[in-house]
Amino acid sequence: MSKTVAIAEAKKQLSSWVRDVEHGETVVITRRGKPVAALVGTDNLEQLMRLRAAGPEAGLAGLAGGWEDSEALVAHALAHVRTSGRQPCEKG
């Protein structure tokens, strides 16, 4: 679940919002009604950094570790490709 707060409110009650993040919430901070930043737990930050490092060219394999049991999904997908005899598409 996430909360949305104005930046002025976030300044006043930062410790309260950090406590909420410690309990699994995400806090979106807005300026003039537009989202500009978010407070997220460190585990979510690590996932975001891993996904950014993989880049869009990593495809499904780049998502591994992005959520619980995603490694099993990638392994299953790769095993299916190997056993089906499909070849990766070539760019023309």
C-alpha atoms as a PDB file:
ATOM      1  CA  MET A   1       0.000   0.000   0.000  1.00  0.00           C
ATOM      2  CA  SER A   2       1.237   3.528  -0.649  1.00  0.00           C
ATOM      3  CA  LYS A   3       0.451   6.937   0.725  1.00  0.00           C
ATOM      4  CA  THR A   4       0.725  10.255  -1.057  1.00  0.00           C
ATOM      5  CA  VAL A   5       1.812  13.350   0.849  1.00  0.00           C
ATOM      6  CA  ALA A   6       2.713  16.899  -0.072  1.00  0.00           C
ATOM      7  CA  ILE A   7       6.356  17.850   0.351  1.00  0.00           C
ATOM      8  CA  ALA A   8       5.496  20.335   3.128  1.00  0.00           C
ATOM      9  CA  GLU A   9       3.754  17.561   5.077  1.00  0.00           C
ATOM     10  CA  ALA A  10       6.674  15.200   4.475  1.00  0.00           C
ATOM     11  CA  LYS A  11       9.059  17.777   5.959  1.00  0.00           C
ATOM     12  CA  LYS A  12       6.937  18.121   9.082  1.00  0.00           C
ATOM     13  CA  GLN A  13       6.446  14.417   9.717  1.00  0.00           C
ATOM     14  CA  LEU A  14       9.433  12.721   8.094  1.00  0.00           C
ATOM     15  CA  SER A  15      10.077  10.390  11.026  1.00  0.00           C
ATOM     16  CA  SER A  16       6.470   9.211  10.908  1.00  0.00           C
ATOM     17  CA  TRP A  17       6.656   8.463   7.176  1.00  0.00           C
ATOM     18  CA  VAL A  18       9.984   6.637   7.606  1.00  0.00           C
ATOM     19  CA  ARG A  19       8.349   4.502  10.286  1.00  0.00           C
ATOM     20  CA  ASP A  20       5.562   3.638   7.818  1.00  0.00           C
ATOM     21  CA  VAL A  21       8.160   2.671   5.197  1.00  0.00           C
ATOM     22  CA  GLU A  22       9.835   0.415   7.758  1.00  0.00           C
ATOM     23  CA  HIS A  23       6.486  -1.384   8.017  1.00  0.00           C
ATOM     24  CA  GLY A  24       6.287  -2.013   4.268  1.00  0.00           C
ATOM     25  CA  GLU A  25       4.490   1.068   2.989  1.00  0.00           C
ATOM     26  CA  THR A  26       5.627   3.323   0.180  1.00  0.00           C
ATOM     27  CA  VAL A  27       5.221   7.077   0.544  1.00  0.00           C
ATOM     28  CA  VAL A  28       4.934   9.163  -2.622  1.00  0.00           C
ATOM     29  CA  ILE A  29       5.901  12.806  -2.147  1.00  0.00           C
ATOM     30  CA  THR A  30       4.223  15.415  -4.304  1.00  0.00           C
ATOM     31  CA  ARG A  31       4.954  19.029  -5.192  1.00  0.00           C
ATOM     32  CA  ARG A  32       1.955  21.032  -6.358  1.00  0.00           C
ATOM     33  CA  GLY A  33       0.030  17.776  -6.731  1.00  0.00           C
ATOM     34  CA  LYS A  34       2.589  16.040  -8.979  1.00  0.00           C
ATOM     35  CA  PRO A  35       4.637  13.044  -7.760  1.00  0.00           C
ATOM     36  CA  VAL A  36       8.325  13.989  -7.501  1.00  0.00           C
ATOM     37  CA  ALA A  37       9.876  11.431  -5.142  1.00  0.00           C
ATOM     38  CA  ALA A  38       9.150   8.332  -3.103  1.00  0.00           C
ATOM     39  CA  LEU A  39      10.220   6.871   0.204  1.00  0.00           C
ATOM     40  CA  VAL A  40      10.731   3.130  -0.211  1.00  0.00           C
ATOM     41  CA  GLY A  41      12.291   0.412   1.895  1.00  0.00           C
ATOM     42  CA  THR A  42      15.900  -0.502   1.237  1.00  0.00           C
ATOM     43  CA  ASP A  43      14.892  -3.908  -0.153  1.00  0.00           C
ATOM     44  CA  ASN A  44      12.793  -2.150  -2.819  1.00  0.00           C
ATOM     45  CA  LEU A  45      15.668   0.213  -3.562  1.00  0.00           C
ATOM     46  CA  GLU A  46      18.033  -2.723  -4.119  1.00  0.00           C
ATOM     47  CA  GLN A  47      15.548  -4.277  -6.571  1.00  0.00           C
ATOM     48  CA  LEU A  48      15.190  -0.991  -8.436  1.00  0.00           C
ATOM     49  CA  MET A  49      18.959  -0.583  -8.712  1.00  0.00           C
ATOM     50  CA  ARG A  50      19.316  -4.158 -10.010  1.00  0.00           C
ATOM     51  CA  LEU A  51      16.608  -3.612 -12.644  1.00  0.00           C
ATOM     52  CA  ARG A  52      18.134  -0.311 -13.748  1.00  0.00           C
ATOM     53  CA  ALA A  53      21.573  -1.914 -14.048  1.00  0.00           C
ATOM     54  CA  ALA A  54      20.158  -4.735 -16.193  1.00  0.00           C
ATOM     55  CA  GLY A  55      18.550  -2.250 -18.569  1.00  0.00           C
ATOM     56  CA  PRO A  56      15.671  -2.903 -20.941  1.00  0.00           C
ATOM     57  CA  GLU A  57      17.770  -5.139 -23.174  1.00  0.00           C
ATOM     58  CA  ALA A  58      17.947  -7.763 -20.411  1.00  0.00           C
ATOM     59  CA  GLY A  59      14.297  -8.714 -21.005  1.00  0.00           C
ATOM     60  CA  LEU A  60      12.736 -11.340 -18.727  1.00  0.00           C
ATOM     61  CA  ALA A  61      16.108 -12.381 -17.336  1.00  0.00           C
ATOM     62  CA  GLY A  62      16.609  -8.809 -16.140  1.00  0.00           C
ATOM     63  CA  LEU A  63      13.575  -9.171 -13.910  1.00  0.00           C
ATOM     64  CA  ALA A  64      15.024 -12.134 -11.999  1.00  0.00           C
ATOM     65  CA  GLY A  65      15.045 -11.220  -8.368  1.00  0.00           C
ATOM     66  CA  GLY A  66      12.466  -8.513  -8.964  1.00  0.00           C
ATOM     67  CA  TRP A  67       9.847 -10.326  -6.906  1.00  0.00           C
ATOM     68  CA  GLU A  68       9.492 -13.425  -4.781  1.00  0.00           C
ATOM     69  CA  ASP A  69      10.116 -16.647  -6.770  1.00  0.00           C
ATOM     70  CA  SER A  70      10.925 -14.767  -9.983  1.00  0.00           C
ATOM     71  CA  GLU A  71      14.137 -16.768 -10.355  1.00  0.00           C
ATOM     72  CA  ALA A  72      12.004 -19.920 -10.661  1.00  0.00           C
ATOM     73  CA  LEU A  73       9.911 -18.276 -13.391  1.00  0.00           C
ATOM     74  CA  VAL A  74      13.001 -17.375 -15.409  1.00  0.00           C
ATOM     75  CA  ALA A  75      14.471 -20.878 -14.962  1.00  0.00           C
ATOM     76  CA  HIS A  76      11.175 -22.426 -16.092  1.00  0.00           C
ATOM     77  CA  ALA A  77      10.972 -20.159 -19.143  1.00  0.00           C
ATOM     78  CA  LEU A  78      14.563 -20.908 -20.146  1.00  0.00           C
ATOM     79  CA  ALA A  79      14.055 -24.651 -19.669  1.00  0.00           C
ATOM     80  CA  HIS A  80      10.956 -24.486 -21.883  1.00  0.00           C
ATOM     81  CA  VAL A  81      12.899 -22.746 -24.645  1.00  0.00           C
ATOM     82  CA  ARG A  82      15.677 -25.352 -24.448  1.00  0.00           C
ATOM     83  CA  THR A  83      13.283 -28.331 -24.534  1.00  0.00           C
ATOM     84  CA  SER A  84      11.004 -26.957 -27.224  1.00  0.00           C
ATOM     85  CA  GLY A  85      13.868 -26.546 -29.663  1.00  0.00           C
ATOM     86  CA  ARG A  86      12.938 -22.934 -30.315  1.00  0.00           C
ATOM     87  CA  GLN A  87      15.712 -20.653 -31.361  1.00  0.00           C
ATOM     88  CA  PRO A  88      15.923 -17.038 -30.287  1.00  0.00           C
ATOM     89  CA  CYS A  89      14.619 -14.586 -32.863  1.00  0.00           C
ATOM     90  CA  GLU A  90      17.300 -12.834 -34.873  1.00  0.00           C
ATOM     91  CA  LYS A  91      17.033  -9.147 -35.629  1.00  0.00           C
ATOM     92  CA  GLY A  92      17.012  -8.474 -39.308  1.00  0.00           C
END
